[in-house]
Amino acid sequence: MADHKNNKEENNLEKPYIEETMPHQASSPSFKGTGMKMQPPFVNDYGVVIGDSKYNSENSPLNNWSEDTDPEIMAGDQWVHPTNDIGWNTAENRDLIEKNVKPKGAPFTHPTKDTSFRKD
């Protein structure tokens, strides 16, 4: 995960979790009692809020797309939230949290399959 500075803007962001849970996401696991703390939303290098559960930001390249936009701009850790990510809603990742096992290695990615399709 990229290192993000806690600035005044980030400190004022609404946190979408309650007592280490995400009640607005029916399939989201509870982090309560796992030793993993929910992380607050952060603002990435592009001024986009990550982890607020709103999935929309005025500064997002998706909202400002043009023929000149390089899709690579949206790659990397600064676009992934450590605890408020759709990947936690998969059965495999929920199982890790429920068994209090921290994930190892890099986030799972697949070049042609959306493993989190319909998990939110």
PDB file of N, CA and C in Angstrom:
ATOM      1  N   MET A   1       0.853  -1.175   0.000  1.00  0.00           N
ATOM      2  CA  MET A   1       0.000   0.000   0.000  1.00  0.00           C
ATOM      3  C   MET A   1       0.890   1.226   0.000  1.00  0.00           C
ATOM      4  N   ALA A   2       0.566   2.157  -0.816  1.00  0.00           N
ATOM      5  CA  ALA A   2       1.320   3.400  -0.882  1.00  0.00           C
ATOM      6  C   ALA A   2       1.189   4.151   0.445  1.00  0.00           C
ATOM      7  N   ASP A   3       2.202   4.929   0.760  1.00  0.00           N
ATOM      8  CA  ASP A   3       2.196   5.713   1.982  1.00  0.00           C
ATOM      9  C   ASP A   3       1.448   7.009   1.727  1.00  0.00           C
ATOM     10  N   HIS A   4       0.414   7.268   2.477  1.00  0.00           N
ATOM     11  CA  HIS A   4      -0.380   8.472   2.284  1.00  0.00           C
ATOM     12  C   HIS A   4      -0.256   9.346   3.517  1.00  0.00           C
ATOM     13  N   LYS A   5      -0.006  10.609   3.278  1.00  0.00           N
ATOM     14  CA  LYS A   5       0.144  11.555   4.373  1.00  0.00           C
ATOM     15  C   LYS A   5      -1.216  11.871   4.972  1.00  0.00           C
ATOM     16  N   ASN A   6      -1.276  11.914   6.291  1.00  0.00           N
ATOM     17  CA  ASN A   6      -2.510  12.339   6.957  1.00  0.00           C
ATOM     18  C   ASN A   6      -2.545  13.854   6.916  1.00  0.00           C
ATOM     19  N   ASN A   7      -3.322  14.371   6.011  1.00  0.00           N
ATOM     20  CA  ASN A   7      -3.442  15.816   5.953  1.00  0.00           C
ATOM     21  C   ASN A   7      -4.813  16.216   6.480  1.00  0.00           C
ATOM     22  N   LYS A   8      -5.040  17.507   6.575  1.00  0.00           N
ATOM     23  CA  LYS A   8      -6.283  18.010   7.132  1.00  0.00           C
ATOM     24  C   LYS A   8      -7.498  17.496   6.352  1.00  0.00           C
ATOM     25  N   GLU A   9      -7.379  17.430   5.021  1.00  0.00           N
ATOM     26  CA  GLU A   9      -8.486  16.953   4.190  1.00  0.00           C
ATOM     27  C   GLU A   9      -8.850  15.511   4.545  1.00  0.00           C
ATOM     28  N   GLU A  10      -7.840  14.663   4.725  1.00  0.00           N
ATOM     29  CA  GLU A  10      -8.104  13.261   5.069  1.00  0.00           C
ATOM     30  C   GLU A  10      -8.716  13.132   6.449  1.00  0.00           C
ATOM     31  N   ASN A  11      -8.290  13.948   7.390  1.00  0.00           N
ATOM     32  CA  ASN A  11      -8.832  13.881   8.748  1.00  0.00           C
ATOM     33  C   ASN A  11     -10.302  14.268   8.799  1.00  0.00           C
ATOM     34  N   ASN A  12     -10.772  15.007   7.810  1.00  0.00           N
ATOM     35  CA  ASN A  12     -12.168  15.441   7.769  1.00  0.00           C
ATOM     36  C   ASN A  12     -13.058  14.506   6.945  1.00  0.00           C
ATOM     37  N   LEU A  13     -12.501  13.442   6.382  1.00  0.00           N
ATOM     38  CA  LEU A  13     -13.296  12.523   5.570  1.00  0.00           C
ATOM     39  C   LEU A  13     -14.205  11.673   6.457  1.00  0.00           C
ATOM     40  N   GLU A  14     -15.417  11.470   5.996  1.00  0.00           N
ATOM     41  CA  GLU A  14     -16.360  10.627   6.720  1.00  0.00           C
ATOM     42  C   GLU A  14     -15.898   9.172   6.638  1.00  0.00           C
ATOM     43  N   LYS A  15     -15.892   8.508   7.763  1.00  0.00           N
ATOM     44  CA  LYS A  15     -15.471   7.103   7.800  1.00  0.00           C
ATOM     45  C   LYS A  15     -16.700   6.214   7.587  1.00  0.00           C
ATOM     46  N   PRO A  16     -16.640   5.297   6.619  1.00  0.00           N
ATOM     47  CA  PRO A  16     -17.815   4.499   6.278  1.00  0.00           C
ATOM     48  C   PRO A  16     -17.987   3.238   7.126  1.00  0.00           C
ATOM     49  N   TYR A  17     -17.263   3.126   8.217  1.00  0.00           N
ATOM     50  CA  TYR A  17     -17.369   1.922   9.035  1.00  0.00           C
ATOM     51  C   TYR A  17     -17.825   2.268  10.447  1.00  0.00           C
ATOM     52  N   ILE A  18     -18.421   1.263  11.094  1.00  0.00           N
ATOM     53  CA  ILE A  18     -18.887   1.401  12.469  1.00  0.00           C
ATOM     54  C   ILE A  18     -18.377   0.197  13.237  1.00  0.00           C
ATOM     55  N   GLU A  19     -17.624   0.448  14.295  1.00  0.00           N
ATOM     56  CA  GLU A  19     -17.104  -0.622  15.155  1.00  0.00           C
ATOM     57  C   GLU A  19     -16.488  -1.759  14.348  1.00  0.00           C
ATOM     58  N   GLU A  20     -15.590  -1.413  13.424  1.00  0.00           N
ATOM     59  CA  GLU A  20     -14.844  -2.374  12.608  1.00  0.00           C
ATOM     60  C   GLU A  20     -15.731  -3.202  11.676  1.00  0.00           C
ATOM     61  N   THR A  21     -16.901  -2.677  11.324  1.00  0.00           N
ATOM     62  CA  THR A  21     -17.795  -3.339  10.376  1.00  0.00           C
ATOM     63  C   THR A  21     -18.215  -2.348   9.295  1.00  0.00           C
ATOM     64  N   MET A  22     -18.698  -2.882   8.191  1.00  0.00           N
ATOM     65  CA  MET A  22     -19.200  -2.072   7.085  1.00  0.00           C
ATOM     66  C   MET A  22     -20.674  -2.424   6.884  1.00  0.00           C
ATOM     67  N   PRO A  23     -21.561  -1.910   7.725  1.00  0.00           N
ATOM     68  CA  PRO A  23     -22.965  -2.333   7.679  1.00  0.00           C
ATOM     69  C   PRO A  23     -23.669  -2.025   6.361  1.00  0.00           C
ATOM     70  N   HIS A  24     -23.163  -1.105   5.575  1.00  0.00           N
ATOM     71  CA  HIS A  24     -23.784  -0.768   4.295  1.00  0.00           C
ATOM     72  C   HIS A  24     -23.426  -1.766   3.196  1.00  0.00           C
ATOM     73  N   GLN A  25     -22.506  -2.685   3.466  1.00  0.00           N
ATOM     74  CA  GLN A  25     -22.144  -3.724   2.508  1.00  0.00           C
ATOM     75  C   GLN A  25     -22.562  -5.077   3.090  1.00  0.00           C
ATOM     76  N   ALA A  26     -23.591  -5.645   2.534  1.00  0.00           N
ATOM     77  CA  ALA A  26     -24.166  -6.876   3.087  1.00  0.00           C
ATOM     78  C   ALA A  26     -23.165  -8.024   3.150  1.00  0.00           C
ATOM     79  N   SER A  27     -22.244  -8.115   2.220  1.00  0.00           N
ATOM     80  CA  SER A  27     -21.305  -9.236   2.189  1.00  0.00           C
ATOM     81  C   SER A  27     -19.952  -8.921   2.810  1.00  0.00           C
ATOM     82  N   SER A  28     -19.806  -7.758   3.380  1.00  0.00           N
ATOM     83  CA  SER A  28     -18.519  -7.362   3.948  1.00  0.00           C
ATOM     84  C   SER A  28     -18.279  -8.066   5.278  1.00  0.00           C
ATOM     85  N   PRO A  29     -17.052  -8.543   5.504  1.00  0.00           N
ATOM     86  CA  PRO A  29     -16.760  -9.205   6.772  1.00  0.00           C
ATOM     87  C   PRO A  29     -16.626  -8.194   7.906  1.00  0.00           C
ATOM     88  N   SER A  30     -16.719  -8.665   9.123  1.00  0.00           N
ATOM     89  CA  SER A  30     -16.463  -7.838  10.293  1.00  0.00           C
ATOM     90  C   SER A  30     -14.991  -7.991  10.661  1.00  0.00           C
ATOM     91  N   PHE A  31     -14.320  -6.891  10.869  1.00  0.00           N
ATOM     92  CA  PHE A  31     -12.931  -6.914  11.298  1.00  0.00           C
ATOM     93  C   PHE A  31     -12.842  -6.902  12.823  1.00  0.00           C
ATOM     94  N   LYS A  32     -13.981  -6.822  13.484  1.00  0.00           N
ATOM     95  CA  LYS A  32     -14.044  -6.742  14.944  1.00  0.00           C
ATOM     96  C   LYS A  32     -13.407  -7.989  15.569  1.00  0.00           C
ATOM     97  N   GLY A  33     -12.449  -7.778  16.470  1.00  0.00           N
ATOM     98  CA  GLY A  33     -11.809  -8.880  17.171  1.00  0.00           C
ATOM     99  C   GLY A  33     -10.753  -9.617  16.373  1.00  0.00           C
ATOM    100  N   THR A  34     -10.409  -9.147  15.184  1.00  0.00           N
ATOM    101  CA  THR A  34      -9.429  -9.844  14.348  1.00  0.00           C
ATOM    102  C   THR A  34      -8.013  -9.314  14.525  1.00  0.00           C
ATOM    103  N   GLY A  35      -7.884  -8.159  15.171  1.00  0.00           N
ATOM    104  CA  GLY A  35      -6.571  -7.543  15.283  1.00  0.00           C
ATOM    105  C   GLY A  35      -6.271  -6.624  14.112  1.00  0.00           C
ATOM    106  N   MET A  36      -7.066  -6.712  13.055  1.00  0.00           N
ATOM    107  CA  MET A  36      -6.920  -5.796  11.921  1.00  0.00           C
ATOM    108  C   MET A  36      -7.853  -4.619  12.152  1.00  0.00           C
ATOM    109  N   LYS A  37      -7.329  -3.433  12.108  1.00  0.00           N
ATOM    110  CA  LYS A  37      -8.130  -2.234  12.319  1.00  0.00           C
ATOM    111  C   LYS A  37      -8.592  -1.672  10.980  1.00  0.00           C
ATOM    112  N   MET A  38      -9.837  -1.242  10.940  1.00  0.00           N
ATOM    113  CA  MET A  38     -10.344  -0.577   9.739  1.00  0.00           C
ATOM    114  C   MET A  38      -9.516   0.677   9.516  1.00  0.00           C
ATOM    115  N   GLN A  39      -9.153   0.918   8.284  1.00  0.00           N
ATOM    116  CA  GLN A  39      -8.365   2.092   7.938  1.00  0.00           C
ATOM    117  C   GLN A  39      -9.288   3.184   7.395  1.00  0.00           C
ATOM    118  N   PRO A  40      -9.013   4.426   7.735  1.00  0.00           N
ATOM    119  CA  PRO A  40      -9.857   5.516   7.231  1.00  0.00           C
ATOM    120  C   PRO A  40      -9.610   5.754   5.747  1.00  0.00           C
ATOM    121  N   PRO A  41     -10.536   6.424   5.081  1.00  0.00           N
ATOM    122  CA  PRO A  41     -10.327   6.788   3.685  1.00  0.00           C
ATOM    123  C   PRO A  41      -9.093   7.681   3.560  1.00  0.00           C
ATOM    124  N   PHE A  42      -8.501   7.684   2.380  1.00  0.00           N
ATOM    125  CA  PHE A  42      -7.362   8.558   2.127  1.00  0.00           C
ATOM    126  C   PHE A  42      -7.516   9.219   0.765  1.00  0.00           C
ATOM    127  N   VAL A  43      -6.764  10.267   0.553  1.00  0.00           N
ATOM    128  CA  VAL A  43      -6.750  10.979  -0.721  1.00  0.00           C
ATOM    129  C   VAL A  43      -5.454  10.582  -1.427  1.00  0.00           C
ATOM    130  N   ASN A  44      -5.580  10.033  -2.652  1.00  0.00           N
ATOM    131  CA  ASN A  44      -4.372   9.607  -3.358  1.00  0.00           C
ATOM    132  C   ASN A  44      -3.697  10.775  -4.066  1.00  0.00           C
ATOM    133  N   ASP A  45      -2.632  10.474  -4.792  1.00  0.00           N
ATOM    134  CA  ASP A  45      -1.838  11.518  -5.449  1.00  0.00           C
ATOM    135  C   ASP A  45      -2.618  12.303  -6.494  1.00  0.00           C
ATOM    136  N   TYR A  46      -3.752  11.775  -6.927  1.00  0.00           N
ATOM    137  CA  TYR A  46      -4.558  12.445  -7.945  1.00  0.00           C
ATOM    138  C   TYR A  46      -5.723  13.231  -7.341  1.00  0.00           C
ATOM    139  N   GLY A  47      -5.771  13.288  -6.006  1.00  0.00           N
ATOM    140  CA  GLY A  47      -6.841  14.014  -5.338  1.00  0.00           C
ATOM    141  C   GLY A  47      -8.132  13.238  -5.265  1.00  0.00           C
ATOM    142  N   VAL A  48      -8.064  11.913  -5.428  1.00  0.00           N
ATOM    143  CA  VAL A  48      -9.244  11.061  -5.406  1.00  0.00           C
ATOM    144  C   VAL A  48      -9.348  10.398  -4.036  1.00  0.00           C
ATOM    145  N   VAL A  49     -10.541  10.457  -3.444  1.00  0.00           N
ATOM    146  CA  VAL A  49     -10.780   9.813  -2.153  1.00  0.00           C
ATOM    147  C   VAL A  49     -10.928   8.309  -2.380  1.00  0.00           C
ATOM    148  N   ILE A  50     -10.140   7.531  -1.657  1.00  0.00           N
ATOM    149  CA  ILE A  50     -10.158   6.074  -1.755  1.00  0.00           C
ATOM    150  C   ILE A  50     -10.645   5.511  -0.425  1.00  0.00           C
ATOM    151  N   GLY A  51     -11.654   4.648  -0.473  1.00  0.00           N
ATOM    152  CA  GLY A  51     -12.135   3.989   0.732  1.00  0.00           C
ATOM    153  C   GLY A  51     -13.300   4.662   1.413  1.00  0.00           C
ATOM    154  N   ASP A  52     -13.988   5.558   0.710  1.00  0.00           N
ATOM    155  CA  ASP A  52     -15.132   6.232   1.333  1.00  0.00           C
ATOM    156  C   ASP A  52     -16.463   5.561   1.017  1.00  0.00           C
ATOM    157  N   SER A  53     -16.441   4.523   0.218  1.00  0.00           N
ATOM    158  CA  SER A  53     -17.629   3.759  -0.198  1.00  0.00           C
ATOM    159  C   SER A  53     -18.558   4.544  -1.112  1.00  0.00           C
ATOM    160  N   LYS A  54     -18.122   5.691  -1.587  1.00  0.00           N
ATOM    161  CA  LYS A  54     -18.958   6.466  -2.508  1.00  0.00           C
ATOM    162  C   LYS A  54     -18.575   6.204  -3.961  1.00  0.00           C
ATOM    163  N   TYR A  55     -17.358   5.723  -4.184  1.00  0.00           N
ATOM    164  CA  TYR A  55     -16.890   5.300  -5.507  1.00  0.00           C
ATOM    165  C   TYR A  55     -17.043   6.362  -6.578  1.00  0.00           C
ATOM    166  N   ASN A  56     -17.009   7.607  -6.176  1.00  0.00           N
ATOM    167  CA  ASN A  56     -17.124   8.677  -7.147  1.00  0.00           C
ATOM    168  C   ASN A  56     -16.341   9.862  -6.602  1.00  0.00           C
ATOM    169  N   SER A  57     -15.565  10.456  -7.441  1.00  0.00           N
ATOM    170  CA  SER A  57     -14.780  11.600  -7.026  1.00  0.00           C
ATOM    171  C   SER A  57     -14.641  12.553  -8.202  1.00  0.00           C
ATOM    172  N   GLU A  58     -14.817  13.815  -7.929  1.00  0.00           N
ATOM    173  CA  GLU A  58     -14.725  14.842  -8.963  1.00  0.00           C
ATOM    174  C   GLU A  58     -13.383  14.776  -9.688  1.00  0.00           C
ATOM    175  N   ASN A  59     -12.322  14.424  -8.965  1.00  0.00           N
ATOM    176  CA  ASN A  59     -10.977  14.395  -9.544  1.00  0.00           C
ATOM    177  C   ASN A  59     -10.624  13.079 -10.210  1.00  0.00           C
ATOM    178  N   SER A  60     -11.499  12.094 -10.168  1.00  0.00           N
ATOM    179  CA  SER A  60     -11.188  10.787 -10.725  1.00  0.00           C
ATOM    180  C   SER A  60     -10.953  10.859 -12.230  1.00  0.00           C
ATOM    181  N   PRO A  61      -9.927  10.156 -12.707  1.00  0.00           N
ATOM    182  CA  PRO A  61      -9.736  10.080 -14.156  1.00  0.00           C
ATOM    183  C   PRO A  61     -10.970   9.532 -14.869  1.00  0.00           C
ATOM    184  N   LEU A  62     -11.747   8.703 -14.198  1.00  0.00           N
ATOM    185  CA  LEU A  62     -12.968   8.172 -14.820  1.00  0.00           C
ATOM    186  C   LEU A  62     -13.970   9.278 -15.108  1.00  0.00           C
ATOM    187  N   ASN A  63     -13.986  10.309 -14.292  1.00  0.00           N
ATOM    188  CA  ASN A  63     -14.894  11.437 -14.498  1.00  0.00           C
ATOM    189  C   ASN A  63     -14.315  12.499 -15.427  1.00  0.00           C
ATOM    190  N   ASN A  64     -13.063  12.317 -15.822  1.00  0.00           N
ATOM    191  CA  ASN A  64     -12.382  13.279 -16.676  1.00  0.00           C
ATOM    192  C   ASN A  64     -11.689  12.585 -17.845  1.00  0.00           C
ATOM    193  N   TRP A  65     -12.277  11.501 -18.294  1.00  0.00           N
ATOM    194  CA  TRP A  65     -11.646  10.660 -19.314  1.00  0.00           C
ATOM    195  C   TRP A  65     -11.660  11.341 -20.676  1.00  0.00           C
ATOM    196  N   SER A  66     -10.593  11.132 -21.428  1.00  0.00           N
ATOM    197  CA  SER A  66     -10.524  11.616 -22.802  1.00  0.00           C
ATOM    198  C   SER A  66      -9.627  10.668 -23.593  1.00  0.00           C
ATOM    199  N   GLU A  67      -9.516  10.904 -24.878  1.00  0.00           N
ATOM    200  CA  GLU A  67      -8.638  10.080 -25.706  1.00  0.00           C
ATOM    201  C   GLU A  67      -7.191  10.186 -25.245  1.00  0.00           C
ATOM    202  N   ASP A  68      -6.860  11.251 -24.560  1.00  0.00           N
ATOM    203  CA  ASP A  68      -5.487  11.478 -24.119  1.00  0.00           C
ATOM    204  C   ASP A  68      -5.179  10.849 -22.762  1.00  0.00           C
ATOM    205  N   THR A  69      -6.180  10.268 -22.098  1.00  0.00           N
ATOM    206  CA  THR A  69      -5.979   9.673 -20.781  1.00  0.00           C
ATOM    207  C   THR A  69      -5.333   8.303 -20.925  1.00  0.00           C
ATOM    208  N   ASP A  70      -4.230   8.117 -20.257  1.00  0.00           N
ATOM    209  CA  ASP A  70      -3.547   6.821 -20.254  1.00  0.00           C
ATOM    210  C   ASP A  70      -4.179   5.967 -19.147  1.00  0.00           C
ATOM    211  N   PRO A  71      -4.760   4.811 -19.482  1.00  0.00           N
ATOM    212  CA  PRO A  71      -5.409   3.967 -18.461  1.00  0.00           C
ATOM    213  C   PRO A  71      -4.471   3.560 -17.321  1.00  0.00           C
ATOM    214  N   GLU A  72      -3.183   3.564 -17.590  1.00  0.00           N
ATOM    215  CA  GLU A  72      -2.211   3.197 -16.562  1.00  0.00           C
ATOM    216  C   GLU A  72      -2.255   4.146 -15.365  1.00  0.00           C
ATOM    217  N   ILE A  73      -2.810   5.329 -15.567  1.00  0.00           N
ATOM    218  CA  ILE A  73      -2.917   6.306 -14.491  1.00  0.00           C
ATOM    219  C   ILE A  73      -3.701   5.741 -13.295  1.00  0.00           C
ATOM    220  N   MET A  74      -4.564   4.747 -13.546  1.00  0.00           N
ATOM    221  CA  MET A  74      -5.386   4.188 -12.463  1.00  0.00           C
ATOM    222  C   MET A  74      -4.866   2.846 -11.958  1.00  0.00           C
ATOM    223  N   ALA A  75      -3.595   2.565 -12.197  1.00  0.00           N
ATOM    224  CA  ALA A  75      -2.988   1.328 -11.710  1.00  0.00           C
ATOM    225  C   ALA A  75      -2.168   1.615 -10.451  1.00  0.00           C
ATOM    226  N   GLY A  76      -2.062   0.634  -9.606  1.00  0.00           N
ATOM    227  CA  GLY A  76      -1.195   0.755  -8.444  1.00  0.00           C
ATOM    228  C   GLY A  76      -1.933   0.805  -7.122  1.00  0.00           C
ATOM    229  N   ASP A  77      -1.147   0.702  -6.060  1.00  0.00           N
ATOM    230  CA  ASP A  77      -1.681   0.634  -4.699  1.00  0.00           C
ATOM    231  C   ASP A  77      -2.452   1.877  -4.277  1.00  0.00           C
ATOM    232  N   GLN A  78      -2.155   3.019  -4.868  1.00  0.00           N
ATOM    233  CA  GLN A  78      -2.847   4.229  -4.430  1.00  0.00           C
ATOM    234  C   GLN A  78      -4.320   4.236  -4.816  1.00  0.00           C
ATOM    235  N   TRP A  79      -4.762   3.213  -5.563  1.00  0.00           N
ATOM    236  CA  TRP A  79      -6.162   3.098  -5.950  1.00  0.00           C
ATOM    237  C   TRP A  79      -6.877   2.010  -5.158  1.00  0.00           C
ATOM    238  N   VAL A  80      -6.171   1.364  -4.223  1.00  0.00           N
ATOM    239  CA  VAL A  80      -6.741   0.250  -3.464  1.00  0.00           C
ATOM    240  C   VAL A  80      -6.712   0.580  -1.979  1.00  0.00           C
ATOM    241  N   HIS A  81      -7.859   0.426  -1.339  1.00  0.00           N
ATOM    242  CA  HIS A  81      -7.940   0.658   0.103  1.00  0.00           C
ATOM    243  C   HIS A  81      -7.673  -0.652   0.834  1.00  0.00           C
ATOM    244  N   PRO A  82      -6.899  -0.634   1.933  1.00  0.00           N
ATOM    245  CA  PRO A  82      -6.537  -1.892   2.603  1.00  0.00           C
ATOM    246  C   PRO A  82      -7.690  -2.620   3.290  1.00  0.00           C
ATOM    247  N   THR A  83      -8.715  -1.906   3.759  1.00  0.00           N
ATOM    248  CA  THR A  83      -9.813  -2.595   4.449  1.00  0.00           C
ATOM    249  C   THR A  83     -11.179  -2.326   3.842  1.00  0.00           C
ATOM    250  N   ASN A  84     -11.327  -1.302   3.028  1.00  0.00           N
ATOM    251  CA  ASN A  84     -12.605  -1.040   2.375  1.00  0.00           C
ATOM    252  C   ASN A  84     -12.419  -1.259   0.879  1.00  0.00           C
ATOM    253  N   ASP A  85     -12.295  -2.516   0.531  1.00  0.00           N
ATOM    254  CA  ASP A  85     -12.092  -2.907  -0.855  1.00  0.00           C
ATOM    255  C   ASP A  85     -13.067  -4.033  -1.176  1.00  0.00           C
ATOM    256  N   ILE A  86     -13.598  -4.012  -2.375  1.00  0.00           N
ATOM    257  CA  ILE A  86     -14.592  -4.998  -2.802  1.00  0.00           C
ATOM    258  C   ILE A  86     -14.074  -6.437  -2.673  1.00  0.00           C
ATOM    259  N   GLY A  87     -12.762  -6.599  -2.740  1.00  0.00           N
ATOM    260  CA  GLY A  87     -12.173  -7.937  -2.629  1.00  0.00           C
ATOM    261  C   GLY A  87     -12.451  -8.618  -1.305  1.00  0.00           C
ATOM    262  N   TRP A  88     -12.678  -7.832  -0.235  1.00  0.00           N
ATOM    263  CA  TRP A  88     -12.997  -8.436   1.061  1.00  0.00           C
ATOM    264  C   TRP A  88     -14.357  -9.118   1.049  1.00  0.00           C
ATOM    265  N   ASN A  89     -15.204  -8.810   0.082  1.00  0.00           N
ATOM    266  CA  ASN A  89     -16.545  -9.389   0.040  1.00  0.00           C
ATOM    267  C   ASN A  89     -16.584 -10.769  -0.594  1.00  0.00           C
ATOM    268  N   THR A  90     -15.464 -11.267  -1.082  1.00  0.00           N
ATOM    269  CA  THR A  90     -15.434 -12.620  -1.652  1.00  0.00           C
ATOM    270  C   THR A  90     -15.425 -13.641  -0.518  1.00  0.00           C
ATOM    271  N   ALA A  91     -15.935 -14.818  -0.795  1.00  0.00           N
ATOM    272  CA  ALA A  91     -15.995 -15.878   0.223  1.00  0.00           C
ATOM    273  C   ALA A  91     -14.603 -16.215   0.756  1.00  0.00           C
ATOM    274  N   GLU A  92     -13.617 -16.253  -0.136  1.00  0.00           N
ATOM    275  CA  GLU A  92     -12.253 -16.610   0.268  1.00  0.00           C
ATOM    276  C   GLU A  92     -11.674 -15.583   1.246  1.00  0.00           C
ATOM    277  N   ASN A  93     -11.854 -14.314   0.957  1.00  0.00           N
ATOM    278  CA  ASN A  93     -11.295 -13.281   1.827  1.00  0.00           C
ATOM    279  C   ASN A  93     -12.093 -13.118   3.110  1.00  0.00           C
ATOM    280  N   ARG A  94     -13.407 -13.285   3.040  1.00  0.00           N
ATOM    281  CA  ARG A  94     -14.218 -13.271   4.267  1.00  0.00           C
ATOM    282  C   ARG A  94     -13.747 -14.386   5.195  1.00  0.00           C
ATOM    283  N   ASP A  95     -13.461 -15.552   4.625  1.00  0.00           N
ATOM    284  CA  ASP A  95     -12.998 -16.694   5.403  1.00  0.00           C
ATOM    285  C   ASP A  95     -11.683 -16.372   6.118  1.00  0.00           C
ATOM    286  N   LEU A  96     -10.769 -15.683   5.428  1.00  0.00           N
ATOM    287  CA  LEU A  96      -9.500 -15.294   6.054  1.00  0.00           C
ATOM    288  C   LEU A  96      -9.755 -14.435   7.285  1.00  0.00           C
ATOM    289  N   ILE A  97     -10.610 -13.438   7.147  1.00  0.00           N
ATOM    290  CA  ILE A  97     -10.903 -12.531   8.266  1.00  0.00           C
ATOM    291  C   ILE A  97     -11.599 -13.279   9.392  1.00  0.00           C
ATOM    292  N   GLU A  98     -12.602 -14.093   9.043  1.00  0.00           N
ATOM    293  CA  GLU A  98     -13.354 -14.811  10.076  1.00  0.00           C
ATOM    294  C   GLU A  98     -12.475 -15.795  10.836  1.00  0.00           C
ATOM    295  N   LYS A  99     -11.420 -16.302  10.182  1.00  0.00           N
ATOM    296  CA  LYS A  99     -10.486 -17.216  10.842  1.00  0.00           C
ATOM    297  C   LYS A  99      -9.284 -16.480  11.419  1.00  0.00           C
ATOM    298  N   ASN A 100      -9.329 -15.132  11.336  1.00  0.00           N
ATOM    299  CA  ASN A 100      -8.278 -14.281  11.873  1.00  0.00           C
ATOM    300  C   ASN A 100      -6.920 -14.577  11.236  1.00  0.00           C
ATOM    301  N   VAL A 101      -6.926 -14.762   9.922  1.00  0.00           N
ATOM    302  CA  VAL A 101      -5.705 -15.018   9.168  1.00  0.00           C
ATOM    303  C   VAL A 101      -5.462 -13.823   8.259  1.00  0.00           C
ATOM    304  N   LYS A 102      -4.326 -13.155   8.453  1.00  0.00           N
ATOM    305  CA  LYS A 102      -4.006 -12.010   7.604  1.00  0.00           C
ATOM    306  C   LYS A 102      -3.564 -12.512   6.231  1.00  0.00           C
ATOM    307  N   PRO A 103      -4.033 -11.870   5.153  1.00  0.00           N
ATOM    308  CA  PRO A 103      -3.637 -12.287   3.814  1.00  0.00           C
ATOM    309  C   PRO A 103      -2.138 -12.131   3.603  1.00  0.00           C
ATOM    310  N   LYS A 104      -1.579 -13.015   2.790  1.00  0.00           N
ATOM    311  CA  LYS A 104      -0.152 -12.966   2.485  1.00  0.00           C
ATOM    312  C   LYS A 104       0.029 -12.582   1.027  1.00  0.00           C
ATOM    313  N   GLY A 105       1.106 -11.899   0.754  1.00  0.00           N
ATOM    314  CA  GLY A 105       1.435 -11.582  -0.631  1.00  0.00           C
ATOM    315  C   GLY A 105       0.667 -10.401  -1.167  1.00  0.00           C
ATOM    316  N   ALA A 106       0.747 -10.253  -2.468  1.00  0.00           N
ATOM    317  CA  ALA A 106       0.107  -9.141  -3.175  1.00  0.00           C
ATOM    318  C   ALA A 106      -1.363  -9.434  -3.397  1.00  0.00           C
ATOM    319  N   PRO A 107      -2.167  -8.394  -3.634  1.00  0.00           N
ATOM    320  CA  PRO A 107      -3.583  -8.618  -3.939  1.00  0.00           C
ATOM    321  C   PRO A 107      -3.739  -9.508  -5.169  1.00  0.00           C
ATOM    322  N   PHE A 108      -4.724 -10.373  -5.146  1.00  0.00           N
ATOM    323  CA  PHE A 108      -4.981 -11.257  -6.274  1.00  0.00           C
ATOM    324  C   PHE A 108      -5.487 -10.452  -7.459  1.00  0.00           C
ATOM    325  N   THR A 109      -4.926 -10.716  -8.603  1.00  0.00           N
ATOM    326  CA  THR A 109      -5.405 -10.087  -9.829  1.00  0.00           C
ATOM    327  C   THR A 109      -5.449 -11.130 -10.920  1.00  0.00           C
ATOM    328  N   HIS A 110      -6.329 -10.949 -11.836  1.00  0.00           N
ATOM    329  CA  HIS A 110      -6.460 -11.858 -12.964  1.00  0.00           C
ATOM    330  C   HIS A 110      -6.650 -11.001 -14.207  1.00  0.00           C
ATOM    331  N   PRO A 111      -5.930 -11.317 -15.269  1.00  0.00           N
ATOM    332  CA  PRO A 111      -5.969 -10.451 -16.447  1.00  0.00           C
ATOM    333  C   PRO A 111      -7.305 -10.387 -17.178  1.00  0.00           C
ATOM    334  N   THR A 112      -8.144 -11.416 -17.051  1.00  0.00           N
ATOM    335  CA  THR A 112      -9.394 -11.402 -17.819  1.00  0.00           C
ATOM    336  C   THR A 112     -10.644 -11.679 -16.996  1.00  0.00           C
ATOM    337  N   LYS A 113     -10.516 -11.945 -15.709  1.00  0.00           N
ATOM    338  CA  LYS A 113     -11.674 -12.276 -14.874  1.00  0.00           C
ATOM    339  C   LYS A 113     -11.843 -11.253 -13.759  1.00  0.00           C
ATOM    340  N   ASP A 114     -13.059 -10.819 -13.563  1.00  0.00           N
ATOM    341  CA  ASP A 114     -13.384  -9.917 -12.466  1.00  0.00           C
ATOM    342  C   ASP A 114     -13.854 -10.780 -11.303  1.00  0.00           C
ATOM    343  N   THR A 115     -12.939 -11.097 -10.395  1.00  0.00           N
ATOM    344  CA  THR A 115     -13.254 -12.017  -9.302  1.00  0.00           C
ATOM    345  C   THR A 115     -14.203 -11.428  -8.269  1.00  0.00           C
ATOM    346  N   SER A 116     -14.431 -10.126  -8.318  1.00  0.00           N
ATOM    347  CA  SER A 116     -15.348  -9.518  -7.350  1.00  0.00           C
ATOM    348  C   SER A 116     -16.693  -9.138  -7.985  1.00  0.00           C
ATOM    349  N   PHE A 117     -16.944  -9.622  -9.177  1.00  0.00           N
ATOM    350  CA  PHE A 117     -18.201  -9.298  -9.866  1.00  0.00           C
ATOM    351  C   PHE A 117     -19.406  -9.690  -9.019  1.00  0.00           C
ATOM    352  N   ARG A 118     -20.308  -8.749  -8.810  1.00  0.00           N
ATOM    353  CA  ARG A 118     -21.540  -8.934  -8.031  1.00  0.00           C
ATOM    354  C   ARG A 118     -21.296  -9.312  -6.564  1.00  0.00           C
ATOM    355  N   LYS A 119     -20.195  -8.834  -6.005  1.00  0.00           N
ATOM    356  CA  LYS A 119     -19.895  -9.112  -4.600  1.00  0.00           C
ATOM    357  C   LYS A 119     -20.212  -7.932  -3.700  1.00  0.00           C
ATOM    358  N   ASP A 120     -20.684  -6.821  -4.282  1.00  0.00           N
ATOM    359  CA  ASP A 120     -20.994  -5.672  -3.454  1.00  0.00           C
ATOM    360  C   ASP A 120     -22.473  -5.483  -3.271  1.00  0.00           C
TER     361      ASP A 120
END
